[in-house]
Amino acid sequence: MTKMKRRLAAPDIRKLRADKTIDLHGKTSMDAFNTVIALIKSSSSDGCGAIKFITGVGDPKRGTGVIRREFPLWLEHPSIAHLIKSFTYSSGVYLLKIRK
């Protein structure tokens, strides 16, 4: 099993370049999960180097932010974990580096 690196407190990753960007706002947790899995698989086969996933930060008092909280767990899914080199989170955005 390959290990992926998780980096915290990155510089403003919203300004960093990525080959693909997808906004997960407004999706249910299950729809977002399926989108993430499919996009990582297709990006890996396309030779994509980096993907930004916009989750937002959520508000625990209102019960929002589920996707942001679950996202790192999704990256451990057996169908994609080996495709991810590293990931970083900052200000409602995850940046994933894809293995080539």
Protein backbone atom coordinates (compact mmCIF):
# COMPACT_ATOMS: atom_id res chain seq x y z
CA MET A 1 0.00 0.00 0.00
CA THR A 2 1.40 3.37 -0.95
CA LYS A 3 1.40 6.23 1.50
CA MET A 4 0.16 9.64 0.52
CA LYS A 5 1.40 12.80 2.14
CA ARG A 6 -0.99 15.19 3.80
CA ARG A 7 0.13 18.76 4.12
CA LEU A 8 -1.61 21.25 6.38
CA ALA A 9 -1.60 25.04 6.51
CA ALA A 10 -0.59 25.46 2.91
CA PRO A 11 -0.22 28.86 1.35
CA ASP A 12 -3.44 30.03 -0.27
CA ILE A 13 -3.93 27.05 -2.54
CA ARG A 14 -6.83 28.75 -4.25
CA LYS A 15 -4.16 30.66 -6.18
CA LEU A 16 -2.10 27.59 -7.12
CA ARG A 17 -2.50 26.04 -10.55
CA ALA A 18 -4.29 22.77 -11.09
CA ASP A 19 -5.09 20.87 -14.28
CA LYS A 20 -8.73 20.47 -13.21
CA THR A 21 -11.01 22.18 -10.70
CA ILE A 22 -14.40 21.02 -9.49
CA ASP A 23 -16.82 22.69 -7.10
CA LEU A 24 -18.63 20.22 -4.83
CA HIS A 25 -20.97 22.83 -3.32
CA GLY A 26 -24.62 21.82 -3.53
CA LYS A 27 -23.91 18.10 -3.96
CA THR A 28 -25.06 15.49 -1.50
CA SER A 29 -22.29 13.59 0.27
CA MET A 30 -22.92 10.51 -1.89
CA ASP A 31 -22.95 12.52 -5.15
CA ALA A 32 -19.75 14.31 -4.13
CA PHE A 33 -18.08 10.99 -3.22
CA ASN A 34 -18.96 9.46 -6.59
CA THR A 35 -17.75 12.59 -8.41
CA VAL A 36 -14.44 12.57 -6.52
CA ILE A 37 -13.78 8.88 -7.21
CA ALA A 38 -14.64 9.18 -10.91
CA LEU A 39 -12.62 12.36 -11.43
CA ILE A 40 -9.50 11.00 -9.73
CA LYS A 41 -9.64 7.80 -11.79
CA SER A 42 -10.15 9.62 -15.09
CA SER A 43 -7.53 12.26 -14.23
CA SER A 44 -4.96 9.60 -13.47
CA SER A 45 -5.51 7.90 -16.82
CA ASP A 46 -5.43 11.31 -18.58
CA GLY A 47 -2.02 12.13 -17.07
CA CYS A 48 -3.41 14.98 -14.97
CA GLY A 49 -0.95 16.29 -12.39
CA ALA A 50 -3.19 18.16 -9.95
CA ILE A 51 -6.88 18.61 -9.15
CA LYS A 52 -8.59 21.22 -6.96
CA PHE A 53 -11.76 20.23 -5.13
CA ILE A 54 -13.76 23.11 -3.70
CA THR A 55 -15.65 21.92 -0.64
CA GLY A 56 -16.15 25.14 1.27
CA VAL A 57 -15.57 25.32 4.99
CA GLY A 58 -19.09 24.73 6.28
CA ASP A 59 -20.64 25.79 9.55
CA PRO A 60 -20.90 23.09 12.25
CA LYS A 61 -23.62 25.07 14.05
CA ARG A 62 -25.83 24.69 10.98
CA GLY A 63 -24.74 21.14 10.26
CA THR A 64 -22.87 22.02 7.08
CA GLY A 65 -19.33 21.11 6.06
CA VAL A 66 -19.95 17.36 5.75
CA ILE A 67 -18.08 17.07 2.44
CA ARG A 68 -15.07 18.97 3.81
CA ARG A 69 -14.91 16.64 6.83
CA GLU A 70 -15.40 13.41 4.87
CA PHE A 71 -13.14 14.26 1.93
CA PRO A 72 -9.83 13.02 3.47
CA LEU A 73 -11.50 9.70 4.32
CA TRP A 74 -12.64 9.28 0.72
CA LEU A 75 -9.04 9.58 -0.43
CA GLU A 76 -8.27 6.33 1.44
CA HIS A 77 -10.77 4.40 -0.69
CA PRO A 78 -8.98 1.34 -2.17
CA SER A 79 -9.95 2.23 -5.73
CA ILE A 80 -8.06 5.56 -5.66
CA ALA A 81 -5.63 5.68 -2.71
CA HIS A 82 -2.75 4.38 -4.85
CA LEU A 83 -3.35 7.17 -7.42
CA ILE A 84 -2.84 10.06 -4.98
CA LYS A 85 0.64 11.38 -4.33
CA SER A 86 -0.32 14.05 -1.77
CA PHE A 87 -3.06 16.44 -0.76
CA THR A 88 -3.34 19.81 0.93
CA TYR A 89 -6.28 21.68 2.41
CA SER A 90 -6.71 25.40 2.92
CA SER A 91 -9.71 27.72 3.08
CA GLY A 92 -12.30 25.32 1.73
CA VAL A 93 -10.16 23.91 -1.07
CA TYR A 94 -8.33 20.59 -1.35
CA LEU A 95 -5.44 20.32 -3.81
CA LEU A 96 -4.54 16.78 -4.85
CA LYS A 97 -1.33 15.77 -6.61
CA ILE A 98 -1.92 12.72 -8.77
CA ARG A 99 0.72 10.01 -9.27
CA LYS A 100 1.98 9.65 -12.81
